[in-house]
Amino acid sequence: MAELKPKPCPKCGNVPEIAYVCGEYFVFSADKPAGSCTCSSFYEMHASREREIEAWNRSIKNG
């Protein structure tokens, strides 16, 4: 099975990073202030990297 990868942000075009803190994975944009872009304002957190990427990709598709 191929590795699941996050899709680019629809607003800025950057592919966000997936960070891990305190048992949760989350979408992280190192170069944008919180809330300034789609990739810096996505606040879902999941216990697995794959679930976080799935949630991000789904939000991009539905957004």
Protein backbone atom coordinates (compact mmCIF):
# COMPACT_ATOMS: atom_id res chain seq x y z
CA MET A 1 0.00 0.00 0.00
CA ALA A 2 1.36 3.44 -0.96
CA GLU A 3 2.14 5.99 1.72
CA LEU A 4 -0.69 8.47 2.21
CA LYS A 5 0.44 12.06 1.55
CA PRO A 6 -1.28 15.36 2.34
CA LYS A 7 -2.65 17.30 -0.62
CA PRO A 8 -1.54 20.90 -1.23
CA CYS A 9 -3.38 23.70 0.54
CA PRO A 10 -6.07 25.14 -1.77
CA LYS A 11 -5.26 28.71 -0.70
CA CYS A 12 -1.43 28.89 -0.80
CA GLY A 13 -0.49 25.71 -2.68
CA ASN A 14 1.97 24.48 -0.04
CA VAL A 15 1.83 20.91 1.21
CA PRO A 16 1.43 21.15 5.00
CA GLU A 17 3.55 19.19 7.41
CA ILE A 18 2.08 16.69 9.85
CA ALA A 19 3.39 17.26 13.38
CA TYR A 20 3.08 15.11 16.51
CA VAL A 21 2.70 16.49 20.03
CA CYS A 22 1.27 14.96 23.22
CA GLY A 23 -0.10 11.85 21.50
CA GLU A 24 -1.89 13.68 18.66
CA TYR A 25 -1.02 14.41 15.03
CA PHE A 26 -1.99 17.72 13.47
CA VAL A 27 -1.52 19.80 10.31
CA PHE A 28 1.27 22.33 10.75
CA SER A 29 2.34 25.26 8.61
CA ALA A 30 5.75 26.56 9.72
CA ASP A 31 5.71 29.67 7.52
CA LYS A 32 2.22 31.04 8.22
CA PRO A 33 0.68 32.55 11.36
CA ALA A 34 -2.13 30.51 12.94
CA GLY A 35 -5.44 31.14 11.20
CA SER A 36 -4.00 33.03 8.22
CA CYS A 37 -4.46 30.23 5.68
CA THR A 38 -6.35 26.97 5.29
CA CYS A 39 -3.24 25.00 6.24
CA SER A 40 -2.64 27.10 9.36
CA SER A 41 -6.24 26.98 10.56
CA PHE A 42 -7.02 23.26 10.33
CA TYR A 43 -7.63 22.18 13.93
CA GLU A 44 -8.57 18.50 13.76
CA MET A 45 -6.19 16.24 15.64
CA HIS A 46 -5.97 12.45 15.37
CA ALA A 47 -4.10 9.65 17.12
CA SER A 48 -2.56 8.37 13.87
CA ARG A 49 -0.71 10.16 11.10
CA GLU A 50 -2.81 8.41 8.47
CA ARG A 51 -6.10 9.56 10.05
CA GLU A 52 -4.85 13.15 10.21
CA ILE A 53 -3.85 13.10 6.54
CA GLU A 54 -7.20 11.54 5.60
CA ALA A 55 -9.05 14.28 7.51
CA TRP A 56 -6.96 17.02 5.87
CA ASN A 57 -7.39 15.58 2.36
CA ARG A 58 -11.14 15.14 2.92
CA SER A 59 -11.50 18.77 4.10
CA ILE A 60 -9.66 19.99 0.98
CA LYS A 61 -11.92 17.90 -1.27
CA ASN A 62 -15.08 19.13 0.48
CA GLY A 63 -13.93 22.70 1.02
